[in-house]
């Protein structure tokens, strides 16, 4: 997205501000569907948790995408955006049977990731087919904070517990209509992904009513110049061939599913923040912005890298800065970054701000959450208003003391 447009949006809507480019979202969606075009049945379920604004969900609805959801509330957002229940899959972790029952009553596909809930659900609702989430015990990506397929992960039913799953199915007479895995984010090694896929194929063969196999996602996107990313085209070529072979072995065409989030929206997002103060210390030049980890927590929580540029002064002499926030905690977005000269009042732009950025925002320090803008077909739309003090107080109850 060009610098002039971002500056104009910051002027129009104030800062801090999230901006999303729908063209990039659409391009990424078409890229993955093209990569797997040789598969007879393909369904992409956008991972709602990455960016859950209803207007963004509508972009995916228009692309004929499905939704991957992890909470009852995300299911409701999907329905609000116009998705049919059958186009939504519910893949929670650690939720109660009661929440799963609420979702099941809506007609949404249920995905269960632990034996206890599987047995309880099968006992009460043997006529509702469910998917099972498996833990393949394969480490994906280099960051242990975002890998969820390793042996000590809380996610999924261990592949070594498949005999237990089969016993539950036998005892309850329930139907397993899908198998699922998600190893985590930042997958680079296609070989590792294909290895995990073979595990899914082996498990699927043990259940006669499989309608789909969900391979999760976790595709890596580039965060800086020269950064490596998942070769989705090569993965499409290799996995499509093997998937089609599996369908022949299984005796019917099942649906290949993915649940990408970051891959679809990360690069479509930009976060704009105003520089409040430039502060020189004995060894560091700090640029303090009108934001903090209450708006963008990924650098602090996951050591995530976001490229930061000064779009107000693109030709300024480059200097080294540490970009920090206004929260009364250590909220450093980037240390010792080489950036064009930063002045108080400049607008800084953070790239890759589409996934797990606004969706993880909070009101810490009683700060307001920022506004969101969507660029759709060349026009800018305010899709979330900036909060005010009424929003902070809305659900608080002031008592007489």
Protein backbone atom coordinates (compact mmCIF):
# COMPACT_ATOMS: atom_id res chain seq x y z
CA UNK A 1 0.00 0.00 0.00
CA UNK A 2 1.46 3.36 -0.94
CA UNK A 3 2.78 5.80 1.63
CA UNK A 4 0.56 8.72 0.57
CA UNK A 5 -2.61 6.70 1.07
CA UNK A 6 -1.54 5.53 4.53
CA UNK A 7 -0.69 9.09 5.57
CA UNK A 8 -4.06 10.30 4.27
CA UNK A 9 -5.84 7.58 6.28
CA UNK A 10 -3.94 8.53 9.43
CA UNK A 11 -4.99 12.13 8.86
CA UNK A 12 -8.61 11.17 8.21
CA UNK A 13 -9.11 8.60 10.96
CA UNK A 14 -6.39 9.65 13.46
CA UNK A 15 -3.90 7.30 15.09
CA UNK A 16 -3.22 4.68 16.22
CA UNK A 17 -4.98 2.97 13.33
CA UNK A 18 -5.20 -0.47 11.74
CA UNK A 19 -5.57 -0.55 7.94
CA UNK A 20 -6.36 -3.68 5.91
CA UNK A 21 -5.94 -4.12 2.16
CA UNK A 22 -8.67 -6.46 0.83
CA UNK A 23 -6.85 -6.85 -2.50
CA UNK A 24 -3.95 -8.58 -0.72
CA UNK A 25 -6.37 -10.85 1.15
CA UNK A 26 -8.07 -11.84 -2.10
CA UNK A 27 -4.71 -12.39 -3.83
CA UNK A 28 -3.51 -14.72 -1.05
CA UNK A 29 -6.79 -16.66 -1.08
CA UNK A 30 -6.59 -17.16 -4.84
CA UNK A 31 -2.95 -18.15 -4.53
CA UNK A 32 -3.67 -21.03 -2.17
CA UNK A 33 -6.72 -22.24 -4.11
CA UNK A 34 -4.68 -22.21 -7.33
CA UNK A 35 -1.87 -24.15 -5.65
CA UNK A 36 -4.32 -26.96 -4.83
CA UNK A 37 -6.44 -26.76 -7.97
CA UNK A 38 -5.58 -30.34 -8.92
CA UNK A 39 -7.56 -31.62 -5.90
CA UNK A 40 -11.18 -32.48 -6.75
CA UNK A 41 -12.62 -31.22 -3.46
CA UNK A 42 -10.92 -28.29 -1.69
CA UNK A 43 -12.19 -26.08 1.11
CA UNK A 44 -10.32 -23.18 2.68
CA UNK A 45 -11.58 -22.27 6.15
CA UNK A 46 -10.25 -18.86 7.21
CA UNK A 47 -8.96 -18.91 10.81
CA UNK A 48 -11.24 -16.32 12.38
CA UNK A 49 -9.00 -15.74 15.41
CA UNK A 50 -6.36 -14.07 13.21
CA UNK A 51 -8.61 -11.08 12.45
CA UNK A 52 -12.25 -11.36 13.42
CA UNK A 53 -13.82 -8.08 12.28
CA UNK A 54 -17.19 -8.87 10.70
CA UNK A 55 -16.42 -6.79 7.60
CA UNK A 56 -13.24 -8.78 7.01
CA UNK A 57 -15.21 -12.00 7.44
CA UNK A 58 -17.58 -10.77 4.72
CA UNK A 59 -14.63 -10.50 2.32
CA UNK A 60 -13.99 -14.20 2.87
CA UNK A 61 -17.70 -14.99 2.56
CA UNK A 62 -17.64 -13.40 -0.92
CA UNK A 63 -14.69 -15.64 -1.82
CA UNK A 64 -16.74 -18.76 -0.92
CA UNK A 65 -14.40 -19.45 1.96
CA UNK A 66 -15.43 -21.38 5.03
CA UNK A 67 -14.52 -20.42 8.60
CA UNK A 68 -12.40 -22.07 11.25
CA UNK A 69 -13.57 -20.94 14.69
CA UNK A 70 -12.31 -21.57 18.22
CA UNK A 71 -15.10 -20.11 20.36
CA UNK A 72 -18.89 -19.88 20.47
CA UNK A 73 -18.50 -16.13 20.01
CA UNK A 74 -16.48 -16.56 16.79
CA UNK A 75 -19.22 -18.87 15.50
CA UNK A 76 -21.78 -16.13 16.16
CA UNK A 77 -19.59 -13.59 14.34
CA UNK A 78 -19.43 -15.96 11.36
CA UNK A 79 -23.20 -16.32 11.27
CA UNK A 80 -23.53 -12.54 11.56
CA UNK A 81 -21.22 -12.18 8.53
CA UNK A 82 -23.55 -14.44 6.52
CA UNK A 83 -21.79 -17.80 6.68
CA UNK A 84 -24.00 -20.89 6.69
CA UNK A 85 -23.51 -23.20 9.70
CA UNK A 86 -22.29 -25.99 7.44
CA UNK A 87 -19.47 -23.72 6.22
CA UNK A 88 -18.13 -23.28 9.76
CA UNK A 89 -15.93 -25.69 11.69
CA UNK A 90 -15.57 -25.36 15.47
CA UNK A 91 -12.09 -26.32 16.71
CA UNK A 92 -11.88 -25.29 20.37
CA UNK A 93 -9.39 -26.25 23.03
CA UNK A 94 -10.12 -26.75 26.70
CA UNK A 95 -13.76 -25.65 26.48
CA UNK A 96 -16.65 -27.20 28.36
CA UNK A 97 -19.06 -29.73 26.95
CA UNK A 98 -21.75 -27.07 27.37
CA UNK A 99 -20.04 -24.73 24.89
CA UNK A 100 -19.68 -27.52 22.36
CA UNK A 101 -23.36 -28.35 22.79
CA UNK A 102 -24.30 -24.71 22.11
CA UNK A 103 -22.36 -24.76 18.86
CA UNK A 104 -23.65 -28.20 17.83
CA UNK A 105 -27.22 -26.95 18.12
CA UNK A 106 -26.41 -24.33 15.47
CA UNK A 107 -25.51 -27.03 12.94
CA UNK A 108 -21.78 -26.26 12.86
CA UNK A 109 -19.16 -28.96 12.22
CA UNK A 110 -17.65 -30.02 15.55
CA UNK A 111 -13.94 -30.82 15.95
CA UNK A 112 -12.97 -32.45 19.27
CA UNK A 113 -9.43 -32.58 20.64
CA UNK A 114 -9.62 -34.67 23.81
CA UNK A 115 -10.85 -38.13 24.74
CA UNK A 116 -12.96 -37.08 27.71
CA UNK A 117 -15.13 -34.65 25.72
CA UNK A 118 -15.25 -37.05 22.77
CA UNK A 119 -16.72 -39.77 24.97
CA UNK A 120 -19.19 -37.42 26.66
CA UNK A 121 -20.31 -35.91 23.36
CA UNK A 122 -20.63 -39.32 21.74
CA UNK A 123 -22.71 -40.60 24.64
CA UNK A 124 -25.17 -37.67 24.45
CA UNK A 125 -25.14 -37.00 20.69
CA UNK A 126 -24.22 -40.19 18.82
CA UNK A 127 -26.06 -38.99 15.70
CA UNK A 128 -23.94 -35.83 15.26
CA UNK A 129 -20.79 -36.63 13.24
CA UNK A 130 -17.59 -35.11 14.61
CA UNK A 131 -14.04 -34.50 13.48
CA UNK A 132 -11.09 -35.44 15.70
CA UNK A 133 -8.07 -33.21 16.16
CA UNK A 134 -4.87 -35.21 16.36
CA UNK A 135 -1.47 -34.30 17.74
CA UNK A 136 1.07 -35.74 15.28
CA UNK A 137 3.97 -35.10 17.70
CA UNK A 138 5.83 -33.15 15.05
CA UNK A 139 7.52 -29.86 15.80
CA UNK A 140 6.82 -27.22 13.15
CA UNK A 141 8.59 -23.91 12.80
CA UNK A 142 11.50 -22.62 14.84
CA UNK A 143 9.58 -20.83 17.60
CA UNK A 144 8.37 -23.09 20.41
CA UNK A 145 5.83 -20.43 21.42
CA UNK A 146 3.84 -20.95 18.22
CA UNK A 147 4.36 -24.67 17.65
CA UNK A 148 1.40 -26.75 18.82
CA UNK A 149 2.14 -30.20 17.41
CA UNK A 150 4.96 -31.23 19.75
CA UNK A 151 4.60 -34.04 22.28
CA UNK A 152 3.94 -31.77 25.28
CA UNK A 153 1.32 -29.64 23.52
CA UNK A 154 -2.10 -29.19 25.11
CA UNK A 155 -3.67 -29.40 21.63
CA UNK A 156 -5.08 -32.52 20.05
CA UNK A 157 -5.39 -36.21 20.85
CA UNK A 158 -2.11 -38.08 20.65
CA UNK A 159 -1.71 -40.32 17.61
CA UNK A 160 -0.80 -43.03 20.12
CA UNK A 161 -4.32 -42.78 21.51
CA UNK A 162 -6.09 -43.68 18.26
CA UNK A 163 -7.03 -47.10 19.73
CA UNK A 164 -8.79 -45.22 22.54
CA UNK A 165 -10.66 -43.11 19.98
CA UNK A 166 -11.80 -46.25 18.20
CA UNK A 167 -12.99 -47.73 21.48
CA UNK A 168 -15.04 -44.59 22.24
CA UNK A 169 -16.58 -44.74 18.74
CA UNK A 170 -17.43 -48.39 19.23
CA UNK A 171 -18.99 -47.82 22.66
CA UNK A 172 -21.05 -44.79 21.68
CA UNK A 173 -21.83 -45.70 18.06
CA UNK A 174 -20.82 -42.17 17.03
CA UNK A 175 -19.49 -41.23 13.59
CA UNK A 176 -16.08 -39.71 12.84
CA UNK A 177 -16.41 -37.74 9.61
CA UNK A 178 -13.08 -35.90 9.62
CA UNK A 179 -9.51 -35.92 10.91
CA UNK A 180 -7.53 -32.79 11.63
CA UNK A 181 -4.09 -31.60 12.68
CA UNK A 182 -2.43 -28.25 13.23
CA UNK A 183 1.27 -28.32 13.98
CA UNK A 184 1.74 -24.58 14.52
CA UNK A 185 2.93 -21.53 12.64
CA UNK A 186 5.92 -20.74 10.43
CA UNK A 187 6.16 -24.06 8.59
CA UNK A 188 9.07 -23.97 6.15
CA UNK A 189 10.05 -27.60 5.68
CA UNK A 190 7.52 -29.08 3.27
CA UNK A 191 8.96 -32.52 4.01
CA UNK A 192 7.98 -32.22 7.66
CA UNK A 193 4.46 -31.18 6.65
CA UNK A 194 4.15 -34.12 4.27
CA UNK A 195 5.41 -36.43 7.01
CA UNK A 196 2.63 -35.22 9.30
CA UNK A 197 0.15 -35.63 6.45
CA UNK A 198 1.02 -39.32 6.15
CA UNK A 199 0.04 -39.71 9.78
CA UNK A 200 -3.37 -38.21 9.00
CA UNK A 201 -3.83 -40.53 6.04
CA UNK A 202 -3.01 -43.57 8.19
CA UNK A 203 -5.54 -42.53 10.83
CA UNK A 204 -8.24 -41.65 8.27
CA UNK A 205 -8.04 -45.16 6.81
CA UNK A 206 -9.17 -46.52 10.17
CA UNK A 207 -12.53 -44.74 10.00
CA UNK A 208 -15.02 -45.65 7.22
CA UNK A 209 -17.05 -42.41 7.11
CA UNK A 210 -14.39 -39.76 6.54
CA UNK A 211 -15.68 -36.79 4.51
CA UNK A 212 -12.72 -34.45 4.90
CA UNK A 213 -9.13 -34.22 6.08
CA UNK A 214 -8.10 -30.90 7.62
CA UNK A 215 -4.35 -30.23 7.39
CA UNK A 216 -4.46 -27.08 9.51
CA UNK A 217 -2.14 -24.36 8.30
CA UNK A 218 0.83 -22.50 9.77
CA UNK A 219 2.34 -21.35 6.48
CA UNK A 220 5.14 -18.85 7.01
CA UNK A 221 4.90 -15.40 5.44
CA UNK A 222 7.82 -12.98 4.93
CA UNK A 223 8.32 -10.34 7.62
CA UNK A 224 11.28 -8.48 6.16
CA UNK A 225 13.18 -8.06 2.92
CA UNK A 226 14.82 -11.32 1.90
CA UNK A 227 12.83 -13.31 4.46
CA UNK A 228 11.96 -16.89 3.54
CA UNK A 229 8.41 -18.17 3.45
CA UNK A 230 6.50 -21.38 2.80
CA UNK A 231 6.58 -22.40 -0.85
CA UNK A 232 2.82 -22.88 -1.12
CA UNK A 233 3.03 -23.77 -4.81
CA UNK A 234 5.50 -26.59 -4.19
CA UNK A 235 3.45 -27.82 -1.24
CA UNK A 236 0.35 -27.75 -3.44
CA UNK A 237 2.09 -29.84 -6.08
CA UNK A 238 3.44 -32.44 -3.63
CA UNK A 239 0.46 -32.73 -1.29
CA UNK A 240 -2.18 -32.69 -4.06
CA UNK A 241 -0.54 -35.66 -5.73
CA UNK A 242 -0.38 -37.62 -2.49
CA UNK A 243 -3.91 -36.60 -1.47
CA UNK A 244 -5.36 -37.79 -4.76
CA UNK A 245 -3.57 -41.11 -4.29
CA UNK A 246 -5.09 -41.40 -0.83
CA UNK A 247 -8.59 -40.79 -2.20
CA UNK A 248 -8.10 -43.65 -4.65
CA UNK A 249 -6.90 -45.91 -1.84
CA UNK A 250 -9.79 -44.85 0.38
CA UNK A 251 -12.34 -45.49 -2.35
CA UNK A 252 -13.95 -42.04 -2.56
CA UNK A 253 -13.12 -38.37 -3.01
CA UNK A 254 -12.88 -36.64 0.34
CA UNK A 255 -12.39 -32.90 0.85
CA UNK A 256 -8.96 -31.45 1.49
CA UNK A 257 -9.22 -28.63 4.03
CA UNK A 258 -6.89 -25.93 5.27
CA UNK A 259 -7.43 -23.30 7.96
CA UNK A 260 -5.00 -20.46 7.13
CA UNK A 261 -5.10 -17.24 9.08
CA UNK A 262 -1.71 -15.52 9.00
CA UNK A 263 -1.12 -16.57 5.39
CA UNK A 264 -4.31 -14.80 4.28
CA UNK A 265 -4.28 -11.58 6.32
CA UNK A 266 -0.85 -10.88 7.82
CA UNK A 267 0.63 -8.98 4.88
CA UNK A 268 -2.69 -7.20 4.24
CA UNK A 269 -2.46 -5.30 7.52
CA UNK A 270 -0.70 -2.05 8.46
CA UNK A 271 -0.56 -0.42 11.87
CA UNK A 272 -0.07 3.34 12.00
CA UNK A 273 1.12 5.14 15.11
CA UNK A 274 2.10 8.73 15.89
CA UNK A 275 5.45 9.55 17.49
CA UNK A 276 4.81 11.23 20.84
CA UNK A 277 8.40 11.83 21.84
CA UNK A 278 11.98 11.25 20.75
CA UNK A 279 14.15 10.60 23.81
CA UNK A 280 17.94 10.40 23.85
CA UNK A 281 19.58 8.48 26.69
CA UNK A 282 23.26 7.78 27.25
CA UNK A 283 23.24 4.89 24.78
CA UNK A 284 19.86 4.74 23.03
CA UNK A 285 17.52 6.95 21.03
CA UNK A 286 13.93 6.03 21.88
CA UNK A 287 10.95 6.89 19.70
CA UNK A 288 7.86 6.70 21.91
CA UNK A 289 4.58 6.23 20.08
CA UNK A 290 0.89 6.66 20.93
CA UNK A 291 0.44 2.91 21.35
CA UNK A 292 1.80 -0.04 23.30
CA UNK A 293 1.39 -3.76 23.72
CA UNK A 294 -2.26 -3.04 24.46
CA UNK A 295 -2.60 -2.61 20.68
CA UNK A 296 0.18 -4.81 19.30
CA UNK A 297 1.48 -7.47 21.68
CA UNK A 298 3.15 -9.89 19.25
CA UNK A 299 6.69 -8.44 19.55
CA UNK A 300 6.54 -8.77 23.34
CA UNK A 301 4.70 -12.10 23.52
CA UNK A 302 6.24 -14.00 20.61
CA UNK A 303 9.41 -12.01 19.86
CA UNK A 304 7.72 -11.31 16.54
CA UNK A 305 9.40 -9.03 14.03
CA UNK A 306 7.40 -6.25 12.35
CA UNK A 307 9.14 -4.03 9.83
CA UNK A 308 8.81 -0.39 10.97
CA UNK A 309 9.16 2.57 8.62
CA UNK A 310 8.79 6.31 8.98
CA UNK A 311 6.29 7.14 6.27
CA UNK A 312 6.32 10.84 7.20
CA UNK A 313 10.01 11.26 6.40
CA UNK A 314 11.02 8.56 3.87
CA UNK A 315 14.07 10.49 2.64
CA UNK A 316 15.40 11.43 6.05
CA UNK A 317 18.88 10.36 7.08
CA UNK A 318 18.85 6.86 8.57
CA UNK A 319 19.55 6.56 12.28
CA UNK A 320 19.17 3.83 14.89
CA UNK A 321 16.10 3.90 17.12
CA UNK A 322 14.34 1.73 19.65
CA UNK A 323 10.60 2.01 19.13
CA UNK A 324 8.67 1.87 22.42
CA UNK A 325 5.12 2.38 23.62
CA UNK A 326 3.30 4.43 26.23
CA UNK A 327 2.35 1.54 28.52
CA UNK A 328 3.83 1.41 32.03
CA UNK A 329 5.63 -1.82 31.18
CA UNK A 330 8.54 -2.67 28.93
CA UNK A 331 6.79 -2.53 25.57
CA UNK A 332 9.52 -2.46 22.95
CA UNK A 333 8.39 -2.97 19.36
CA UNK A 334 11.90 -2.96 17.91
CA UNK A 335 15.38 -2.41 19.32
CA UNK A 336 18.17 -0.59 17.53
CA UNK A 337 16.28 -0.40 14.22
CA UNK A 338 17.72 1.54 11.29
CA UNK A 339 14.93 3.96 10.32
CA UNK A 340 14.77 7.27 8.44
CA UNK A 341 15.12 10.16 10.89
CA UNK A 342 12.17 10.21 13.29
CA UNK A 343 10.70 13.48 14.52
CA UNK A 344 7.96 14.06 17.05
CA UNK A 345 4.63 14.00 15.19
CA UNK A 346 5.81 11.58 12.49
CA UNK A 347 3.70 8.57 11.54
CA UNK A 348 5.36 5.16 11.82
CA UNK A 349 4.02 2.20 9.87
CA UNK A 350 4.24 -1.39 11.12
CA UNK A 351 3.97 -4.05 8.42
CA UNK A 352 2.42 -7.53 8.74
CA UNK A 353 -0.21 -6.16 11.11
CA UNK A 354 -3.17 -8.13 9.77
CA UNK A 355 -2.89 -11.33 11.81
CA UNK A 356 -3.08 -11.62 15.60
CA UNK A 357 -2.65 -7.90 16.11
CA UNK A 358 -5.96 -6.11 16.68
CA UNK A 359 -7.54 -9.44 17.66
CA UNK A 360 -5.16 -9.60 20.66
CA UNK A 361 -5.60 -5.94 21.65
CA UNK A 362 -6.75 -4.97 25.15
CA UNK A 363 -7.65 -2.01 27.34
CA UNK A 364 -4.60 -2.35 29.57
CA UNK A 365 -3.81 0.92 31.38
CA UNK A 366 -7.43 1.82 30.53
CA UNK A 367 -6.32 2.79 27.05
CA UNK A 368 -8.79 2.80 24.18
CA UNK A 369 -8.48 0.21 21.44
CA UNK A 370 -7.81 1.75 18.00
CA UNK A 371 -10.01 2.14 14.96
CA UNK A 372 -9.91 -0.24 11.97
CA UNK A 373 -10.20 0.68 8.29
CA UNK A 374 -10.72 -1.65 5.32
CA UNK A 375 -9.70 -0.72 1.78
CA UNK A 376 -12.21 -2.46 -0.50
CA UNK A 377 -12.43 -1.90 -4.25
CA UNK A 378 -10.39 1.27 -3.96
CA UNK A 379 -12.48 2.88 -1.20
CA UNK A 380 -11.71 3.19 2.50
CA UNK A 381 -14.32 2.08 5.02
CA UNK A 382 -14.27 2.57 8.78
CA UNK A 383 -15.05 -0.94 10.06
CA UNK A 384 -14.50 -0.32 13.77
CA UNK A 385 -14.85 2.98 15.61
CA UNK A 386 -12.14 4.15 17.96
CA UNK A 387 -13.14 3.47 21.56
CA UNK A 388 -13.90 6.19 24.10
CA UNK A 389 -14.37 6.38 27.87
CA UNK A 390 -17.99 5.23 27.56
CA UNK A 391 -16.70 1.94 26.11
CA UNK A 392 -14.35 1.50 29.07
CA UNK A 393 -17.17 2.13 31.56
CA UNK A 394 -19.92 0.32 29.65
CA UNK A 395 -19.99 -2.88 31.69
CA UNK A 396 -18.61 -1.50 34.92
CA UNK A 397 -21.00 -1.00 37.85
CA UNK A 398 -20.24 1.93 40.08
CA UNK A 399 -21.46 1.35 43.64
CA UNK A 400 -22.08 3.94 46.35
CA UNK A 401 -19.16 3.92 48.82
